[in-house]
Amino acid sequence: MPQTASPSPKKTLRLRAEKILAQLAQPGAYIKTLVLPSSQDSRPASTSASRDRIERRKPQFGLFKSDPNSTTPIAQFGPDILKYLLAQDWVRKTGARFTMTQAGRAALKRRATKHDKFRRQHQIHKTQNRKVDGNVSRPVTVNETESPLGWLRKRKDRNGNPLISEVQFQAGERLRADFWRAQMTPRVTMSWSAMTASSKRVKRAAPGASTEISDAVIAAKARVARALDAVGPELSGILIDVCCHMTGLEQFEQQAGWPQRSGKLALKLALNALARHYGLIATPRVEWSGGQIRHWGTADYCPNIDG
């Protein structure tokens, strides 16, 4: 029977290092040197057992959880694996511990997929229920960082809060969906519709199909127009560029000539106004506690009092 070839030492080392890296991805996990008792055996290393004792006297390392009371490592390994992790820039030394780097997390993402590994490391995939094929809701895999709004929702500020709230994200995504249904996105490829229409082999559509499509497009355009009118001309531009055209904030600030980091505040104000238009945020009611206003006057105005 044919025997399968054993993996090379380099491949074995890489597989063991990747296994340690996957365990190190747990929140708060770290690597540190283990304090092992020194061997008292001074016999020459002439036998395999003696060589094993010498190998055990080399520095050993352990992988620990974030629990400060934990004294037992969840994995132990030798210096060869740690050298491999350091050479790949997957871990870095912080004091007496070794922790995972951003390059290590990117390597894990590439390892978890089969196709287009380097693009996968910059994406955040999540399963969500979306309406497809009409009104049928199905679980689909979406990239939450596809749009600038998704990227902002996943980032935290100095206080640990998301840069935009869930309501602001939903309002922006709703505007982008209507913008796409209204067919207002710019065409980036050549249109072959004229050649298709002139072809004799093209199939005729069902009666009234073009009318239904046109009505849907017109209704979507009307929703986009009402939403932008509710936001106002001062803030509608940033919504169109960031939400609909998916332009980054830094690029928008450069194109509009705005100061740096000013687009984030303007975008949040615009998203709040948009969410209020969609009914996602309650409109505050301002009530006048005084009587009816009969006259406006400046600070030096003196009314005439009839005797």
C-alpha atoms as a PDB file:
ATOM      1  CA  MET A   1       0.000   0.000   0.000  1.00  0.00           C
ATOM      2  CA  PRO A   2       1.300   3.492  -0.803  1.00  0.00           C
ATOM      3  CA  GLN A   3       2.368   5.421   2.237  1.00  0.00           C
ATOM      4  CA  THR A   4       1.620   9.111   2.642  1.00  0.00           C
ATOM      5  CA  ALA A   5       4.658  11.321   3.061  1.00  0.00           C
ATOM      6  CA  SER A   6       5.073  12.898   6.462  1.00  0.00           C
ATOM      7  CA  PRO A   7       4.982  16.708   6.549  1.00  0.00           C
ATOM      8  CA  SER A   8       8.279  18.540   6.507  1.00  0.00           C
ATOM      9  CA  PRO A   9       9.652  20.033   9.742  1.00  0.00           C
ATOM     10  CA  LYS A  10       8.960  23.566   8.472  1.00  0.00           C
ATOM     11  CA  LYS A  11       5.338  22.736   7.749  1.00  0.00           C
ATOM     12  CA  THR A  12       4.923  21.044  11.122  1.00  0.00           C
ATOM     13  CA  LEU A  13       6.367  24.099  12.866  1.00  0.00           C
ATOM     14  CA  ARG A  14       4.030  26.396  10.940  1.00  0.00           C
ATOM     15  CA  LEU A  15       0.959  24.316  11.784  1.00  0.00           C
ATOM     16  CA  ARG A  16       1.859  24.236  15.479  1.00  0.00           C
ATOM     17  CA  ALA A  17       2.462  28.003  15.489  1.00  0.00           C
ATOM     18  CA  GLU A  18      -0.899  28.663  13.805  1.00  0.00           C
ATOM     19  CA  LYS A  19      -2.631  26.513  16.418  1.00  0.00           C
ATOM     20  CA  ILE A  20      -1.037  28.563  19.216  1.00  0.00           C
ATOM     21  CA  LEU A  21      -1.984  31.757  17.381  1.00  0.00           C
ATOM     22  CA  ALA A  22      -5.634  30.691  17.197  1.00  0.00           C
ATOM     23  CA  GLN A  23      -5.677  30.121  20.963  1.00  0.00           C
ATOM     24  CA  LEU A  24      -3.923  33.451  21.534  1.00  0.00           C
ATOM     25  CA  ALA A  25      -6.810  35.235  19.750  1.00  0.00           C
ATOM     26  CA  GLN A  26      -8.991  34.820  22.838  1.00  0.00           C
ATOM     27  CA  PRO A  27      -9.616  38.140  24.628  1.00  0.00           C
ATOM     28  CA  GLY A  28      -6.884  38.840  27.148  1.00  0.00           C
ATOM     29  CA  ALA A  29      -4.761  35.781  26.316  1.00  0.00           C
ATOM     30  CA  TYR A  30      -0.975  36.093  26.552  1.00  0.00           C
ATOM     31  CA  ILE A  31       2.268  34.119  26.486  1.00  0.00           C
ATOM     32  CA  LYS A  32       4.924  34.129  29.172  1.00  0.00           C
ATOM     33  CA  THR A  33       7.980  32.121  30.168  1.00  0.00           C
ATOM     34  CA  LEU A  34       7.409  29.147  32.408  1.00  0.00           C
ATOM     35  CA  VAL A  35       9.629  28.642  35.463  1.00  0.00           C
ATOM     36  CA  LEU A  36      10.639  25.002  35.375  1.00  0.00           C
ATOM     37  CA  PRO A  37      12.804  23.171  37.960  1.00  0.00           C
ATOM     38  CA  SER A  38      16.356  22.568  36.755  1.00  0.00           C
ATOM     39  CA  SER A  39      17.463  18.992  36.232  1.00  0.00           C
ATOM     40  CA  GLN A  40      20.045  17.526  38.605  1.00  0.00           C
ATOM     41  CA  ASP A  41      21.161  14.892  36.154  1.00  0.00           C
ATOM     42  CA  SER A  42      24.753  15.571  34.973  1.00  0.00           C
ATOM     43  CA  ARG A  43      25.287  12.384  32.963  1.00  0.00           C
ATOM     44  CA  PRO A  44      26.571  12.834  29.390  1.00  0.00           C
ATOM     45  CA  ALA A  45      23.969  13.141  26.684  1.00  0.00           C
ATOM     46  CA  SER A  46      24.864   9.875  24.997  1.00  0.00           C
ATOM     47  CA  THR A  47      21.430   8.307  24.974  1.00  0.00           C
ATOM     48  CA  SER A  48      18.118   9.535  23.600  1.00  0.00           C
ATOM     49  CA  ALA A  49      16.693   9.825  27.134  1.00  0.00           C
ATOM     50  CA  SER A  50      19.557  12.150  28.107  1.00  0.00           C
ATOM     51  CA  ARG A  51      18.976  14.270  25.004  1.00  0.00           C
ATOM     52  CA  ASP A  52      15.299  14.548  25.944  1.00  0.00           C
ATOM     53  CA  ARG A  53      16.268  15.772  29.422  1.00  0.00           C
ATOM     54  CA  ILE A  54      18.518  18.428  27.907  1.00  0.00           C
ATOM     55  CA  GLU A  55      15.707  19.479  25.547  1.00  0.00           C
ATOM     56  CA  ARG A  56      13.364  19.874  28.511  1.00  0.00           C
ATOM     57  CA  ARG A  57      15.878  22.165  30.231  1.00  0.00           C
ATOM     58  CA  LYS A  58      15.452  24.735  27.422  1.00  0.00           C
ATOM     59  CA  PRO A  59      13.148  27.694  28.166  1.00  0.00           C
ATOM     60  CA  GLN A  60       9.511  26.687  27.860  1.00  0.00           C
ATOM     61  CA  PHE A  61       6.604  29.023  27.259  1.00  0.00           C
ATOM     62  CA  GLY A  62       2.955  28.835  28.261  1.00  0.00           C
ATOM     63  CA  LEU A  63      -0.245  30.292  26.892  1.00  0.00           C
ATOM     64  CA  PHE A  64      -2.493  31.726  29.611  1.00  0.00           C
ATOM     65  CA  LYS A  65      -6.033  33.067  29.683  1.00  0.00           C
ATOM     66  CA  SER A  66      -6.993  36.543  30.835  1.00  0.00           C
ATOM     67  CA  ASP A  67      -7.970  35.276  34.287  1.00  0.00           C
ATOM     68  CA  PRO A  68      -5.349  36.708  36.718  1.00  0.00           C
ATOM     69  CA  ASN A  69      -5.909  33.798  39.131  1.00  0.00           C
ATOM     70  CA  SER A  70      -5.081  31.218  36.471  1.00  0.00           C
ATOM     71  CA  THR A  71      -1.696  29.597  37.099  1.00  0.00           C
ATOM     72  CA  THR A  72      -2.023  26.655  34.733  1.00  0.00           C
ATOM     73  CA  PRO A  73      -1.318  27.349  31.052  1.00  0.00           C
ATOM     74  CA  ILE A  74      -3.751  26.080  28.466  1.00  0.00           C
ATOM     75  CA  ALA A  75      -0.833  25.191  26.163  1.00  0.00           C
ATOM     76  CA  GLN A  76       2.931  24.738  26.464  1.00  0.00           C
ATOM     77  CA  PHE A  77       5.508  24.959  23.696  1.00  0.00           C
ATOM     78  CA  GLY A  78       9.200  25.438  23.114  1.00  0.00           C
ATOM     79  CA  PRO A  79      11.267  28.410  21.963  1.00  0.00           C
ATOM     80  CA  ASP A  80      11.141  27.343  18.309  1.00  0.00           C
ATOM     81  CA  ILE A  81       7.436  28.179  18.074  1.00  0.00           C
ATOM     82  CA  LEU A  82       7.903  31.531  19.815  1.00  0.00           C
ATOM     83  CA  LYS A  83      10.746  32.416  17.456  1.00  0.00           C
ATOM     84  CA  TYR A  84       8.488  31.583  14.522  1.00  0.00           C
ATOM     85  CA  LEU A  85       5.681  33.778  15.896  1.00  0.00           C
ATOM     86  CA  LEU A  86       8.097  36.675  16.421  1.00  0.00           C
ATOM     87  CA  ALA A  87       9.632  36.259  12.961  1.00  0.00           C
ATOM     88  CA  GLN A  88       6.185  36.454  11.354  1.00  0.00           C
ATOM     89  CA  ASP A  89       5.366  39.576  13.442  1.00  0.00           C
ATOM     90  CA  TRP A  90       2.344  37.765  14.863  1.00  0.00           C
ATOM     91  CA  VAL A  91       3.237  38.503  18.498  1.00  0.00           C
ATOM     92  CA  ARG A  92       5.126  41.275  20.283  1.00  0.00           C
ATOM     93  CA  LYS A  93       6.756  41.492  23.699  1.00  0.00           C
ATOM     94  CA  THR A  94       5.013  43.739  26.222  1.00  0.00           C
ATOM     95  CA  GLY A  95       6.921  43.680  29.474  1.00  0.00           C
ATOM     96  CA  ALA A  96       7.250  40.062  30.565  1.00  0.00           C
ATOM     97  CA  ARG A  97       4.432  38.887  28.277  1.00  0.00           C
ATOM     98  CA  PHE A  98       3.887  38.273  24.574  1.00  0.00           C
ATOM     99  CA  THR A  99       0.591  39.393  23.020  1.00  0.00           C
ATOM    100  CA  MET A 100      -0.939  39.154  19.568  1.00  0.00           C
ATOM    101  CA  THR A 101      -0.335  41.913  17.024  1.00  0.00           C
ATOM    102  CA  GLN A 102      -2.635  43.262  14.331  1.00  0.00           C
ATOM    103  CA  ALA A 103      -0.647  41.282  11.777  1.00  0.00           C
ATOM    104  CA  GLY A 104      -1.421  38.117  13.718  1.00  0.00           C
ATOM    105  CA  ARG A 105      -5.160  38.811  13.654  1.00  0.00           C
ATOM    106  CA  ALA A 106      -4.969  39.476   9.914  1.00  0.00           C
ATOM    107  CA  ALA A 107      -3.167  36.155   9.436  1.00  0.00           C
ATOM    108  CA  LEU A 108      -5.972  34.354  11.281  1.00  0.00           C
ATOM    109  CA  LYS A 109      -8.571  35.908   8.991  1.00  0.00           C
ATOM    110  CA  ARG A 110      -6.623  34.826   5.916  1.00  0.00           C
ATOM    111  CA  ARG A 111      -6.332  31.322   7.340  1.00  0.00           C
ATOM    112  CA  ALA A 112     -10.099  31.112   7.931  1.00  0.00           C
ATOM    113  CA  THR A 113     -11.022  31.543   4.257  1.00  0.00           C
ATOM    114  CA  LYS A 114     -10.137  29.732   1.059  1.00  0.00           C
ATOM    115  CA  HIS A 115     -10.561  32.425  -1.580  1.00  0.00           C
ATOM    116  CA  ASP A 116      -9.246  35.992  -1.745  1.00  0.00           C
ATOM    117  CA  LYS A 117      -7.547  35.762   1.616  1.00  0.00           C
ATOM    118  CA  PHE A 118      -5.973  39.219   1.691  1.00  0.00           C
ATOM    119  CA  ARG A 119      -9.278  40.978   0.995  1.00  0.00           C
ATOM    120  CA  ARG A 120     -10.991  38.849   3.660  1.00  0.00           C
ATOM    121  CA  GLN A 121      -8.664  40.125   6.385  1.00  0.00           C
ATOM    122  CA  HIS A 122     -10.091  43.655   5.992  1.00  0.00           C
ATOM    123  CA  GLN A 123     -13.738  42.548   6.098  1.00  0.00           C
ATOM    124  CA  ILE A 124     -16.134  41.758   8.928  1.00  0.00           C
ATOM    125  CA  HIS A 125     -18.637  39.105   7.841  1.00  0.00           C
ATOM    126  CA  LYS A 126     -21.881  38.525   9.696  1.00  0.00           C
ATOM    127  CA  THR A 127     -25.044  36.559   8.985  1.00  0.00           C
ATOM    128  CA  GLN A 128     -28.190  38.707   8.854  1.00  0.00           C
ATOM    129  CA  ASN A 129     -31.773  38.160   7.772  1.00  0.00           C
ATOM    130  CA  ARG A 130     -32.418  40.107   4.578  1.00  0.00           C
ATOM    131  CA  LYS A 131     -35.394  40.200   2.246  1.00  0.00           C
ATOM    132  CA  VAL A 132     -34.487  38.579  -1.066  1.00  0.00           C
ATOM    133  CA  ASP A 133     -36.661  37.304  -3.923  1.00  0.00           C
ATOM    134  CA  GLY A 134     -39.478  39.672  -3.053  1.00  0.00           C
ATOM    135  CA  ASN A 135     -40.575  39.611   0.552  1.00  0.00           C
ATOM    136  CA  VAL A 136     -38.881  36.331   1.496  1.00  0.00           C
ATOM    137  CA  SER A 137     -36.485  36.801   4.435  1.00  0.00           C
ATOM    138  CA  ARG A 138     -33.393  34.603   4.352  1.00  0.00           C
ATOM    139  CA  PRO A 139     -30.112  34.514   6.295  1.00  0.00           C
ATOM    140  CA  VAL A 140     -27.338  35.950   4.142  1.00  0.00           C
ATOM    141  CA  THR A 141     -23.684  36.763   4.785  1.00  0.00           C
ATOM    142  CA  VAL A 142     -22.925  40.473   4.572  1.00  0.00           C
ATOM    143  CA  ASN A 143     -19.758  42.512   4.919  1.00  0.00           C
ATOM    144  CA  GLU A 144     -20.431  45.033   7.671  1.00  0.00           C
ATOM    145  CA  THR A 145     -17.531  47.260   6.593  1.00  0.00           C
ATOM    146  CA  GLU A 146     -18.622  47.505   2.950  1.00  0.00           C
ATOM    147  CA  SER A 147     -19.793  51.109   3.334  1.00  0.00           C
ATOM    148  CA  PRO A 148     -18.178  53.974   5.280  1.00  0.00           C
ATOM    149  CA  LEU A 149     -21.146  53.858   7.670  1.00  0.00           C
ATOM    150  CA  GLY A 150     -20.448  50.229   8.487  1.00  0.00           C
ATOM    151  CA  TRP A 151     -16.805  51.060   9.142  1.00  0.00           C
ATOM    152  CA  LEU A 152     -17.787  53.931  11.455  1.00  0.00           C
ATOM    153  CA  ARG A 153     -20.277  51.752  13.343  1.00  0.00           C
ATOM    154  CA  LYS A 154     -17.551  49.208  14.145  1.00  0.00           C
ATOM    155  CA  ARG A 155     -15.050  51.804  15.384  1.00  0.00           C
ATOM    156  CA  LYS A 156     -15.001  53.133  18.947  1.00  0.00           C
ATOM    157  CA  ASP A 157     -14.216  56.579  20.284  1.00  0.00           C
ATOM    158  CA  ARG A 158     -12.055  57.322  23.314  1.00  0.00           C
ATOM    159  CA  ASN A 159     -14.972  56.512  25.631  1.00  0.00           C
ATOM    160  CA  GLY A 160     -15.639  53.131  24.036  1.00  0.00           C
ATOM    161  CA  ASN A 161     -18.815  54.212  22.215  1.00  0.00           C
ATOM    162  CA  PRO A 162     -19.423  53.581  18.494  1.00  0.00           C
ATOM    163  CA  LEU A 163     -18.663  56.530  16.235  1.00  0.00           C
ATOM    164  CA  ILE A 164     -22.253  56.360  14.927  1.00  0.00           C
ATOM    165  CA  SER A 165     -25.252  54.773  16.589  1.00  0.00           C
ATOM    166  CA  GLU A 166     -27.370  51.918  15.274  1.00  0.00           C
ATOM    167  CA  VAL A 167     -30.214  54.321  14.460  1.00  0.00           C
ATOM    168  CA  GLN A 168     -27.895  56.556  12.446  1.00  0.00           C
ATOM    169  CA  PHE A 169     -26.563  53.532  10.574  1.00  0.00           C
ATOM    170  CA  GLN A 170     -30.069  52.293   9.725  1.00  0.00           C
ATOM    171  CA  ALA A 171     -31.083  55.735   8.454  1.00  0.00           C
ATOM    172  CA  GLY A 172     -28.054  55.948   6.169  1.00  0.00           C
ATOM    173  CA  GLU A 173     -28.542  52.426   4.845  1.00  0.00           C
ATOM    174  CA  ARG A 174     -32.205  53.154   4.137  1.00  0.00           C
ATOM    175  CA  LEU A 175     -31.245  56.204   2.079  1.00  0.00           C
ATOM    176  CA  ARG A 176     -28.630  54.163   0.197  1.00  0.00           C
ATOM    177  CA  ALA A 177     -31.194  51.447  -0.594  1.00  0.00           C
ATOM    178  CA  ASP A 178     -33.649  53.999  -2.006  1.00  0.00           C
ATOM    179  CA  PHE A 179     -30.842  55.668  -3.947  1.00  0.00           C
ATOM    180  CA  TRP A 180     -29.953  52.310  -5.509  1.00  0.00           C
ATOM    181  CA  ARG A 181     -33.591  51.424  -6.275  1.00  0.00           C
ATOM    182  CA  ALA A 182     -34.013  54.810  -7.926  1.00  0.00           C
ATOM    183  CA  GLN A 183     -31.170  53.888 -10.322  1.00  0.00           C
ATOM    184  CA  MET A 184     -29.352  57.097  -9.440  1.00  0.00           C
ATOM    185  CA  THR A 185     -25.950  55.452  -9.076  1.00  0.00           C
ATOM    186  CA  PRO A 186     -23.519  56.485 -11.832  1.00  0.00           C
ATOM    187  CA  ARG A 187     -22.906  53.954 -14.605  1.00  0.00           C
ATOM    188  CA  VAL A 188     -19.313  52.712 -14.664  1.00  0.00           C
ATOM    189  CA  THR A 189     -19.564  50.339 -17.657  1.00  0.00           C
ATOM    190  CA  MET A 190     -20.887  50.578 -21.164  1.00  0.00           C
ATOM    191  CA  SER A 191     -24.647  50.258 -21.659  1.00  0.00           C
ATOM    192  CA  TRP A 192     -25.657  47.462 -24.023  1.00  0.00           C
ATOM    193  CA  SER A 193     -29.396  48.092 -23.701  1.00  0.00           C
ATOM    194  CA  ALA A 194     -29.675  49.691 -27.156  1.00  0.00           C
ATOM    195  CA  MET A 195     -28.052  46.709 -28.872  1.00  0.00           C
ATOM    196  CA  THR A 196     -30.191  44.287 -26.868  1.00  0.00           C
ATOM    197  CA  ALA A 197     -33.379  46.110 -27.791  1.00  0.00           C
ATOM    198  CA  SER A 198     -32.510  46.008 -31.506  1.00  0.00           C
ATOM    199  CA  SER A 199     -31.779  42.294 -31.453  1.00  0.00           C
ATOM    200  CA  LYS A 200     -34.421  40.058 -32.986  1.00  0.00           C
ATOM    201  CA  ARG A 201     -33.787  37.285 -30.453  1.00  0.00           C
ATOM    202  CA  VAL A 202     -34.687  39.364 -27.424  1.00  0.00           C
ATOM    203  CA  LYS A 203     -37.744  38.082 -25.555  1.00  0.00           C
ATOM    204  CA  ARG A 204     -40.690  40.348 -25.021  1.00  0.00           C
ATOM    205  CA  ALA A 205     -41.505  41.189 -21.419  1.00  0.00           C
ATOM    206  CA  ALA A 206     -44.857  40.581 -19.815  1.00  0.00           C
ATOM    207  CA  PRO A 207     -47.502  43.248 -20.350  1.00  0.00           C
ATOM    208  CA  GLY A 208     -47.154  46.036 -17.834  1.00  0.00           C
ATOM    209  CA  ALA A 209     -43.723  44.929 -16.564  1.00  0.00           C
ATOM    210  CA  SER A 210     -41.973  48.097 -17.751  1.00  0.00           C
ATOM    211  CA  THR A 211     -44.690  50.200 -16.151  1.00  0.00           C
ATOM    212  CA  GLU A 212     -44.193  48.502 -12.776  1.00  0.00           C
ATOM    213  CA  ILE A 213     -40.431  49.025 -12.971  1.00  0.00           C
ATOM    214  CA  SER A 214     -40.866  52.662 -13.850  1.00  0.00           C
ATOM    215  CA  ASP A 215     -43.313  53.186 -10.977  1.00  0.00           C
ATOM    216  CA  ALA A 216     -40.853  51.618  -8.536  1.00  0.00           C
ATOM    217  CA  VAL A 217     -38.033  53.837  -9.780  1.00  0.00           C
ATOM    218  CA  ILE A 218     -40.179  56.965  -9.607  1.00  0.00           C
ATOM    219  CA  ALA A 219     -41.357  56.112  -6.093  1.00  0.00           C
ATOM    220  CA  ALA A 220     -37.767  55.550  -4.943  1.00  0.00           C
ATOM    221  CA  LYS A 221     -36.668  58.859  -6.447  1.00  0.00           C
ATOM    222  CA  ALA A 222     -39.503  60.615  -4.646  1.00  0.00           C
ATOM    223  CA  ARG A 223     -38.449  59.062  -1.322  1.00  0.00           C
ATOM    224  CA  VAL A 224     -34.858  60.185  -1.857  1.00  0.00           C
ATOM    225  CA  ALA A 225     -35.991  63.722  -2.723  1.00  0.00           C
ATOM    226  CA  ARG A 226     -38.209  63.961   0.375  1.00  0.00           C
ATOM    227  CA  ALA A 227     -35.419  62.694   2.604  1.00  0.00           C
ATOM    228  CA  LEU A 228     -32.877  65.181   1.249  1.00  0.00           C
ATOM    229  CA  ASP A 229     -35.379  68.036   1.517  1.00  0.00           C
ATOM    230  CA  ALA A 230     -35.995  67.135   5.164  1.00  0.00           C
ATOM    231  CA  VAL A 231     -32.267  67.208   5.892  1.00  0.00           C
ATOM    232  CA  GLY A 232     -31.694  70.496   4.107  1.00  0.00           C
ATOM    233  CA  PRO A 233     -29.229  71.656   1.453  1.00  0.00           C
ATOM    234  CA  GLU A 234     -26.435  72.263   3.976  1.00  0.00           C
ATOM    235  CA  LEU A 235     -26.174  68.605   5.034  1.00  0.00           C
ATOM    236  CA  SER A 236     -27.623  66.697   2.095  1.00  0.00           C
ATOM    237  CA  GLY A 237     -24.341  66.745   0.166  1.00  0.00           C
ATOM    238  CA  ILE A 238     -22.436  64.711   2.737  1.00  0.00           C
ATOM    239  CA  LEU A 239     -25.264  62.153   2.851  1.00  0.00           C
ATOM    240  CA  ILE A 240     -25.175  61.668  -0.919  1.00  0.00           C
ATOM    241  CA  ASP A 241     -21.384  61.290  -1.034  1.00  0.00           C
ATOM    242  CA  VAL A 242     -20.855  59.138   2.073  1.00  0.00           C
ATOM    243  CA  CYS A 243     -24.070  57.082   2.217  1.00  0.00           C
ATOM    244  CA  CYS A 244     -24.952  56.744  -1.475  1.00  0.00           C
ATOM    245  CA  HIS A 245     -21.626  57.021  -3.323  1.00  0.00           C
ATOM    246  CA  MET A 246     -19.730  55.446  -0.363  1.00  0.00           C
ATOM    247  CA  THR A 247     -17.039  58.107  -0.318  1.00  0.00           C
ATOM    248  CA  GLY A 248     -14.730  58.082   2.696  1.00  0.00           C
ATOM    249  CA  LEU A 249     -14.883  60.955   5.153  1.00  0.00           C
ATOM    250  CA  GLU A 250     -11.292  62.017   4.535  1.00  0.00           C
ATOM    251  CA  GLN A 251     -11.839  62.069   0.768  1.00  0.00           C
ATOM    252  CA  PHE A 252     -15.070  64.044   1.175  1.00  0.00           C
ATOM    253  CA  GLU A 253     -13.338  66.618   3.394  1.00  0.00           C
ATOM    254  CA  GLN A 254     -10.617  67.087   0.785  1.00  0.00           C
ATOM    255  CA  GLN A 255     -13.090  67.432  -2.082  1.00  0.00           C
ATOM    256  CA  ALA A 256     -15.347  69.843  -0.184  1.00  0.00           C
ATOM    257  CA  GLY A 257     -12.484  71.849   1.287  1.00  0.00           C
ATOM    258  CA  TRP A 258     -13.599  71.188   4.860  1.00  0.00           C
ATOM    259  CA  PRO A 259     -11.210  71.147   7.834  1.00  0.00           C
ATOM    260  CA  GLN A 260      -9.906  67.777   8.960  1.00  0.00           C
ATOM    261  CA  ARG A 261     -12.159  65.688  11.205  1.00  0.00           C
ATOM    262  CA  SER A 262     -15.059  68.081  10.659  1.00  0.00           C
ATOM    263  CA  GLY A 263     -16.946  65.684   8.414  1.00  0.00           C
ATOM    264  CA  LYS A 264     -17.626  63.266  11.275  1.00  0.00           C
ATOM    265  CA  LEU A 265     -19.648  65.836  13.216  1.00  0.00           C
ATOM    266  CA  ALA A 266     -21.515  67.023  10.116  1.00  0.00           C
ATOM    267  CA  LEU A 267     -22.315  63.428   9.153  1.00  0.00           C
ATOM    268  CA  LYS A 268     -23.745  62.668  12.591  1.00  0.00           C
ATOM    269  CA  LEU A 269     -25.941  65.785  12.442  1.00  0.00           C
ATOM    270  CA  ALA A 270     -27.143  64.833   8.956  1.00  0.00           C
ATOM    271  CA  LEU A 271     -27.879  61.243  10.011  1.00  0.00           C
ATOM    272  CA  ASN A 272     -29.859  62.482  13.023  1.00  0.00           C
ATOM    273  CA  ALA A 273     -32.001  64.678  10.777  1.00  0.00           C
ATOM    274  CA  LEU A 274     -32.437  61.761   8.361  1.00  0.00           C
ATOM    275  CA  ALA A 275     -33.430  59.362  11.155  1.00  0.00           C
ATOM    276  CA  ARG A 276     -35.941  61.935  12.415  1.00  0.00           C
ATOM    277  CA  HIS A 277     -37.445  62.109   8.922  1.00  0.00           C
ATOM    278  CA  TYR A 278     -37.784  58.311   8.772  1.00  0.00           C
ATOM    279  CA  GLY A 279     -39.381  58.221  12.214  1.00  0.00           C
ATOM    280  CA  LEU A 280     -36.473  56.397  13.835  1.00  0.00           C
ATOM    281  CA  ILE A 281     -35.998  59.293  16.264  1.00  0.00           C
ATOM    282  CA  ALA A 282     -38.914  61.081  17.911  1.00  0.00           C
ATOM    283  CA  THR A 283     -39.267  64.711  16.883  1.00  0.00           C
ATOM    284  CA  PRO A 284     -38.931  66.939  19.958  1.00  0.00           C
ATOM    285  CA  ARG A 285     -41.920  69.170  20.589  1.00  0.00           C
ATOM    286  CA  VAL A 286     -41.138  72.717  21.652  1.00  0.00           C
ATOM    287  CA  GLU A 287     -44.007  74.304  23.536  1.00  0.00           C
ATOM    288  CA  TRP A 288     -44.256  78.043  24.152  1.00  0.00           C
ATOM    289  CA  SER A 289     -45.107  78.638  27.801  1.00  0.00           C
ATOM    290  CA  GLY A 290     -45.908  82.327  27.426  1.00  0.00           C
ATOM    291  CA  GLY A 291     -48.803  84.077  25.764  1.00  0.00           C
ATOM    292  CA  GLN A 292     -49.291  84.888  22.134  1.00  0.00           C
ATOM    293  CA  ILE A 293     -46.515  86.940  20.526  1.00  0.00           C
ATOM    294  CA  ARG A 294     -48.000  90.176  19.236  1.00  0.00           C
ATOM    295  CA  HIS A 295     -44.935  92.252  18.381  1.00  0.00           C
ATOM    296  CA  TRP A 296     -41.171  91.936  17.905  1.00  0.00           C
ATOM    297  CA  GLY A 297     -38.889  94.728  19.041  1.00  0.00           C
ATOM    298  CA  THR A 298     -35.226  95.550  19.465  1.00  0.00           C
ATOM    299  CA  ALA A 299     -33.513  96.025  22.808  1.00  0.00           C
ATOM    300  CA  ASP A 300     -34.167  99.798  22.822  1.00  0.00           C
ATOM    301  CA  TYR A 301     -37.793  99.496  21.752  1.00  0.00           C
ATOM    302  CA  CYS A 302     -40.269 101.406  23.894  1.00  0.00           C
ATOM    303  CA  PRO A 303     -43.942 100.715  23.288  1.00  0.00           C
ATOM    304  CA  ASN A 304     -46.556 103.423  23.237  1.00  0.00           C
ATOM    305  CA  ILE A 305     -48.927 103.167  26.160  1.00  0.00           C
ATOM    306  CA  ASP A 306     -52.322 104.683  25.559  1.00  0.00           C
ATOM    307  CA  GLY A 307     -53.716 106.642  28.517  1.00  0.00           C
END
